Amino acid sequence: TVDKGDEKWKGRVGLVPNVLKELALSSKDGVALVCGPFIMVKYTIPPLLDLGFSPERIFTSLEMRMKCGIGKCGRCNIGSKYVCKDGPVFTYKELQELPNEY
């Protein structure tokens, strides 16, 4: 969620996907960087696609999958990728090509 800051906060408040819809962002020449809890990332990507962001221009981080950070423990392995070595930042297009384990 986007939470209210102090009493001076004048911005929007609410669930990130809803705030995105309200903002009606332009995808022209833009990229989307999404980080946070997995559940938020999962529900934020569809509105970005609806706004016209291509899967190649939506970036997210999967660092929550990492443990050792050097590719030895295998905890961060998703298909042929190791988050710690091949990421941790991936485009949504790259995520679509991975097994649905993330």
N, C-alpha and C. Protein backbone atom coordinates (compact mmCIF):
# COMPACT_ATOMS: atom_id res chain seq x y z
N THR A 1 0.83 -1.19 0.00
CA THR A 1 0.00 0.00 0.00
C THR A 1 0.87 1.24 0.00
N VAL A 2 0.26 2.31 -0.42
CA VAL A 2 0.87 3.63 -0.27
C VAL A 2 0.21 4.20 0.98
N ASP A 3 1.00 4.40 2.02
CA ASP A 3 0.46 4.87 3.28
C ASP A 3 0.61 6.38 3.40
N LYS A 4 -0.24 6.96 4.22
CA LYS A 4 -0.17 8.39 4.48
C LYS A 4 1.07 8.67 5.32
N GLY A 5 1.82 9.69 4.94
CA GLY A 5 2.99 10.11 5.70
C GLY A 5 2.54 10.93 6.89
N ASP A 6 3.18 12.04 7.10
CA ASP A 6 2.78 12.91 8.20
C ASP A 6 1.58 13.76 7.78
N GLU A 7 1.22 14.71 8.63
CA GLU A 7 0.04 15.55 8.36
C GLU A 7 0.19 16.41 7.11
N LYS A 8 1.39 16.57 6.61
CA LYS A 8 1.63 17.37 5.40
C LYS A 8 1.43 16.57 4.12
N TRP A 9 1.26 15.26 4.23
CA TRP A 9 1.12 14.39 3.06
C TRP A 9 -0.11 14.77 2.25
N LYS A 10 0.08 15.05 0.97
CA LYS A 10 -1.02 15.42 0.07
C LYS A 10 -1.19 14.41 -1.05
N GLY A 11 -0.35 13.37 -1.06
CA GLY A 11 -0.41 12.37 -2.13
C GLY A 11 -1.52 11.37 -1.94
N ARG A 12 -1.64 10.50 -2.91
CA ARG A 12 -2.65 9.45 -2.86
C ARG A 12 -2.28 8.40 -1.81
N VAL A 13 -3.30 7.69 -1.35
CA VAL A 13 -3.14 6.62 -0.37
C VAL A 13 -3.97 5.44 -0.87
N GLY A 14 -3.44 4.23 -0.72
CA GLY A 14 -4.22 3.05 -1.09
C GLY A 14 -3.34 1.95 -1.62
N LEU A 15 -3.98 0.91 -2.14
CA LEU A 15 -3.25 -0.20 -2.73
C LEU A 15 -2.54 0.27 -3.99
N VAL A 16 -1.32 -0.17 -4.19
CA VAL A 16 -0.50 0.30 -5.31
C VAL A 16 -1.21 0.12 -6.66
N PRO A 17 -1.82 -1.05 -6.96
CA PRO A 17 -2.50 -1.17 -8.25
C PRO A 17 -3.61 -0.14 -8.45
N ASN A 18 -4.35 0.16 -7.39
CA ASN A 18 -5.41 1.16 -7.48
C ASN A 18 -4.85 2.56 -7.69
N VAL A 19 -3.77 2.87 -7.00
CA VAL A 19 -3.13 4.18 -7.16
C VAL A 19 -2.62 4.32 -8.59
N LEU A 20 -2.05 3.26 -9.16
CA LEU A 20 -1.57 3.31 -10.55
C LEU A 20 -2.70 3.63 -11.51
N LYS A 21 -3.86 2.99 -11.29
CA LYS A 21 -5.01 3.24 -12.16
C LYS A 21 -5.47 4.69 -12.05
N GLU A 22 -5.45 5.23 -10.85
CA GLU A 22 -5.85 6.63 -10.65
C GLU A 22 -4.89 7.60 -11.33
N LEU A 23 -3.60 7.28 -11.30
CA LEU A 23 -2.59 8.17 -11.88
C LEU A 23 -2.62 8.17 -13.40
N ALA A 24 -3.06 7.07 -14.00
CA ALA A 24 -3.10 6.93 -15.46
C ALA A 24 -1.77 7.36 -16.07
N LEU A 25 -0.71 6.73 -15.64
CA LEU A 25 0.64 7.04 -16.11
C LEU A 25 0.78 6.77 -17.60
N SER A 26 1.66 7.50 -18.23
CA SER A 26 1.97 7.26 -19.64
C SER A 26 3.15 6.31 -19.73
N SER A 27 3.01 5.30 -20.56
CA SER A 27 4.10 4.35 -20.75
C SER A 27 5.07 4.82 -21.82
N LYS A 28 4.76 5.92 -22.48
CA LYS A 28 5.62 6.42 -23.56
C LYS A 28 6.99 6.80 -23.00
N ASP A 29 8.01 6.17 -23.51
CA ASP A 29 9.40 6.44 -23.10
C ASP A 29 9.64 6.18 -21.61
N GLY A 30 8.79 5.43 -20.97
CA GLY A 30 8.96 5.18 -19.54
C GLY A 30 9.25 3.73 -19.23
N VAL A 31 9.72 3.51 -18.03
CA VAL A 31 9.91 2.17 -17.50
C VAL A 31 9.24 2.12 -16.13
N ALA A 32 8.91 0.92 -15.71
CA ALA A 32 8.32 0.74 -14.38
C ALA A 32 9.28 -0.11 -13.55
N LEU A 33 9.59 0.38 -12.37
CA LEU A 33 10.44 -0.35 -11.43
C LEU A 33 9.56 -0.74 -10.25
N VAL A 34 9.41 -2.03 -10.03
CA VAL A 34 8.50 -2.52 -9.00
C VAL A 34 9.30 -3.34 -8.00
N CYS A 35 9.26 -2.93 -6.74
CA CYS A 35 9.90 -3.74 -5.70
C CYS A 35 9.01 -3.72 -4.48
N GLY A 36 9.14 -4.72 -3.68
CA GLY A 36 8.32 -4.84 -2.49
C GLY A 36 7.95 -6.28 -2.26
N PRO A 37 6.98 -6.51 -1.39
CA PRO A 37 6.55 -7.89 -1.13
C PRO A 37 6.03 -8.53 -2.42
N PHE A 38 6.24 -9.83 -2.55
CA PHE A 38 5.84 -10.52 -3.77
C PHE A 38 4.38 -10.29 -4.12
N ILE A 39 3.50 -10.32 -3.14
CA ILE A 39 2.07 -10.18 -3.41
C ILE A 39 1.77 -8.81 -4.03
N MET A 40 2.48 -7.77 -3.60
CA MET A 40 2.28 -6.46 -4.19
C MET A 40 2.78 -6.43 -5.63
N VAL A 41 3.96 -7.02 -5.86
CA VAL A 41 4.52 -7.08 -7.21
C VAL A 41 3.54 -7.81 -8.13
N LYS A 42 3.03 -8.94 -7.67
CA LYS A 42 2.11 -9.76 -8.47
C LYS A 42 0.89 -8.96 -8.93
N TYR A 43 0.33 -8.15 -8.04
CA TYR A 43 -0.88 -7.41 -8.38
C TYR A 43 -0.61 -6.04 -8.99
N THR A 44 0.64 -5.62 -9.02
CA THR A 44 1.00 -4.34 -9.63
C THR A 44 1.30 -4.49 -11.12
N ILE A 45 1.80 -5.63 -11.54
CA ILE A 45 2.17 -5.81 -12.94
C ILE A 45 0.97 -5.73 -13.89
N PRO A 46 -0.17 -6.38 -13.63
CA PRO A 46 -1.29 -6.27 -14.58
C PRO A 46 -1.75 -4.84 -14.88
N PRO A 47 -1.89 -3.96 -13.88
CA PRO A 47 -2.26 -2.58 -14.22
C PRO A 47 -1.20 -1.87 -15.07
N LEU A 48 0.07 -2.20 -14.85
CA LEU A 48 1.12 -1.60 -15.67
C LEU A 48 0.99 -2.06 -17.12
N LEU A 49 0.68 -3.33 -17.33
CA LEU A 49 0.45 -3.83 -18.69
C LEU A 49 -0.77 -3.14 -19.30
N ASP A 50 -1.83 -2.95 -18.50
CA ASP A 50 -3.03 -2.26 -18.98
C ASP A 50 -2.72 -0.82 -19.38
N LEU A 51 -1.76 -0.20 -18.70
CA LEU A 51 -1.36 1.18 -19.02
C LEU A 51 -0.46 1.25 -20.24
N GLY A 52 -0.08 0.10 -20.79
CA GLY A 52 0.72 0.08 -22.01
C GLY A 52 2.20 -0.17 -21.83
N PHE A 53 2.63 -0.45 -20.61
CA PHE A 53 4.04 -0.79 -20.40
C PHE A 53 4.29 -2.17 -20.98
N SER A 54 5.31 -2.31 -21.79
CA SER A 54 5.63 -3.62 -22.37
C SER A 54 6.35 -4.45 -21.31
N PRO A 55 6.27 -5.78 -21.41
CA PRO A 55 6.96 -6.64 -20.44
C PRO A 55 8.46 -6.38 -20.36
N GLU A 56 9.05 -5.88 -21.44
CA GLU A 56 10.49 -5.56 -21.44
C GLU A 56 10.81 -4.29 -20.66
N ARG A 57 9.78 -3.49 -20.35
CA ARG A 57 10.00 -2.21 -19.67
C ARG A 57 9.45 -2.20 -18.24
N ILE A 58 9.12 -3.39 -17.76
CA ILE A 58 8.71 -3.55 -16.36
C ILE A 58 9.81 -4.35 -15.67
N PHE A 59 10.42 -3.76 -14.67
CA PHE A 59 11.53 -4.39 -13.94
C PHE A 59 11.12 -4.65 -12.50
N THR A 60 11.52 -5.80 -11.99
CA THR A 60 11.25 -6.11 -10.60
C THR A 60 12.44 -6.88 -10.02
N SER A 61 12.51 -6.89 -8.72
CA SER A 61 13.62 -7.54 -8.03
C SER A 61 13.13 -8.79 -7.30
N LEU A 62 13.90 -9.84 -7.38
CA LEU A 62 13.57 -11.09 -6.69
C LEU A 62 14.57 -11.39 -5.58
N GLU A 63 15.14 -10.37 -4.97
CA GLU A 63 16.18 -10.58 -3.96
C GLU A 63 15.68 -11.39 -2.78
N MET A 64 14.37 -11.43 -2.56
CA MET A 64 13.84 -12.20 -1.44
C MET A 64 14.11 -13.70 -1.59
N ARG A 65 14.49 -14.13 -2.79
CA ARG A 65 14.82 -15.54 -3.03
C ARG A 65 16.26 -15.88 -2.67
N MET A 66 17.10 -14.87 -2.47
CA MET A 66 18.53 -15.12 -2.27
C MET A 66 18.85 -15.50 -0.83
N LYS A 67 19.87 -16.34 -0.68
CA LYS A 67 20.38 -16.67 0.65
C LYS A 67 21.89 -16.44 0.69
N CYS A 68 22.67 -17.24 -0.05
CA CYS A 68 24.13 -17.11 0.04
C CYS A 68 24.66 -15.95 -0.81
N GLY A 69 23.98 -15.64 -1.91
CA GLY A 69 24.39 -14.53 -2.76
C GLY A 69 25.50 -14.84 -3.75
N ILE A 70 25.99 -16.08 -3.78
CA ILE A 70 27.08 -16.41 -4.70
C ILE A 70 26.80 -17.65 -5.56
N GLY A 71 25.58 -18.14 -5.55
CA GLY A 71 25.21 -19.25 -6.41
C GLY A 71 25.58 -20.63 -5.92
N LYS A 72 25.90 -20.75 -4.64
CA LYS A 72 26.33 -22.05 -4.10
C LYS A 72 25.19 -22.84 -3.44
N CYS A 73 24.28 -22.15 -2.78
CA CYS A 73 23.26 -22.88 -2.01
C CYS A 73 22.09 -23.36 -2.88
N GLY A 74 21.84 -22.70 -4.00
CA GLY A 74 20.76 -23.10 -4.89
C GLY A 74 19.38 -22.63 -4.48
N ARG A 75 19.27 -21.94 -3.37
CA ARG A 75 17.96 -21.49 -2.88
C ARG A 75 17.28 -20.53 -3.86
N CYS A 76 18.06 -19.77 -4.59
CA CYS A 76 17.49 -18.76 -5.47
C CYS A 76 17.28 -19.26 -6.90
N ASN A 77 17.48 -20.53 -7.14
CA ASN A 77 17.34 -21.09 -8.48
C ASN A 77 15.89 -21.11 -8.92
N ILE A 78 15.63 -20.56 -10.11
CA ILE A 78 14.32 -20.62 -10.75
C ILE A 78 14.57 -21.07 -12.18
N GLY A 79 14.22 -22.30 -12.49
CA GLY A 79 14.52 -22.82 -13.82
C GLY A 79 16.01 -22.80 -14.07
N SER A 80 16.43 -22.14 -15.14
CA SER A 80 17.87 -22.08 -15.48
C SER A 80 18.57 -20.87 -14.87
N LYS A 81 17.86 -20.05 -14.13
CA LYS A 81 18.42 -18.81 -13.58
C LYS A 81 18.71 -18.94 -12.09
N TYR A 82 19.76 -18.25 -11.68
CA TYR A 82 20.07 -18.06 -10.27
C TYR A 82 19.88 -16.57 -10.00
N VAL A 83 18.95 -16.26 -9.12
CA VAL A 83 18.65 -14.85 -8.84
C VAL A 83 19.91 -14.10 -8.43
N CYS A 84 20.76 -14.72 -7.62
CA CYS A 84 21.95 -14.03 -7.12
C CYS A 84 23.00 -13.79 -8.21
N LYS A 85 23.00 -14.59 -9.25
CA LYS A 85 24.00 -14.43 -10.31
C LYS A 85 23.43 -13.78 -11.57
N ASP A 86 22.20 -14.10 -11.91
CA ASP A 86 21.58 -13.58 -13.14
C ASP A 86 20.71 -12.36 -12.88
N GLY A 87 20.49 -12.02 -11.65
CA GLY A 87 19.63 -10.90 -11.26
C GLY A 87 20.33 -10.08 -10.20
N PRO A 88 19.66 -9.61 -9.20
CA PRO A 88 18.31 -9.98 -8.80
C PRO A 88 17.21 -9.25 -9.57
N VAL A 89 17.57 -8.30 -10.44
CA VAL A 89 16.56 -7.55 -11.18
C VAL A 89 16.31 -8.24 -12.52
N PHE A 90 15.02 -8.45 -12.80
CA PHE A 90 14.59 -9.09 -14.04
C PHE A 90 13.47 -8.28 -14.66
N THR A 91 13.36 -8.35 -15.98
CA THR A 91 12.20 -7.75 -16.63
C THR A 91 11.03 -8.72 -16.48
N TYR A 92 9.83 -8.19 -16.65
CA TYR A 92 8.67 -9.07 -16.59
C TYR A 92 8.72 -10.08 -17.73
N LYS A 93 9.26 -9.69 -18.88
CA LYS A 93 9.42 -10.63 -20.00
C LYS A 93 10.29 -11.82 -19.57
N GLU A 94 11.39 -11.54 -18.88
CA GLU A 94 12.25 -12.63 -18.40
C GLU A 94 11.51 -13.53 -17.41
N LEU A 95 10.71 -12.93 -16.55
CA LEU A 95 9.95 -13.72 -15.57
C LEU A 95 8.94 -14.62 -16.26
N GLN A 96 8.34 -14.12 -17.34
CA GLN A 96 7.36 -14.93 -18.07
C GLN A 96 8.00 -16.17 -18.67
N GLU A 97 9.28 -16.12 -18.93
CA GLU A 97 9.99 -17.25 -19.55
C GLU A 97 10.48 -18.27 -18.51
N LEU A 98 10.35 -17.95 -17.24
CA LEU A 98 10.79 -18.85 -16.17
C LEU A 98 9.63 -19.72 -15.70
N PRO A 99 9.93 -20.87 -15.09
CA PRO A 99 8.85 -21.67 -14.49
C PRO A 99 8.11 -20.83 -13.45
N ASN A 100 6.86 -21.11 -13.27
CA ASN A 100 6.02 -20.33 -12.34
C ASN A 100 6.32 -20.70 -10.89
N GLU A 101 7.55 -20.44 -10.46
CA GLU A 101 7.98 -20.75 -9.09
C GLU A 101 8.14 -19.51 -8.24
N TYR A 102 8.19 -18.37 -8.84
CA TYR A 102 8.43 -17.15 -8.10
C TYR A 102 7.12 -16.61 -7.63
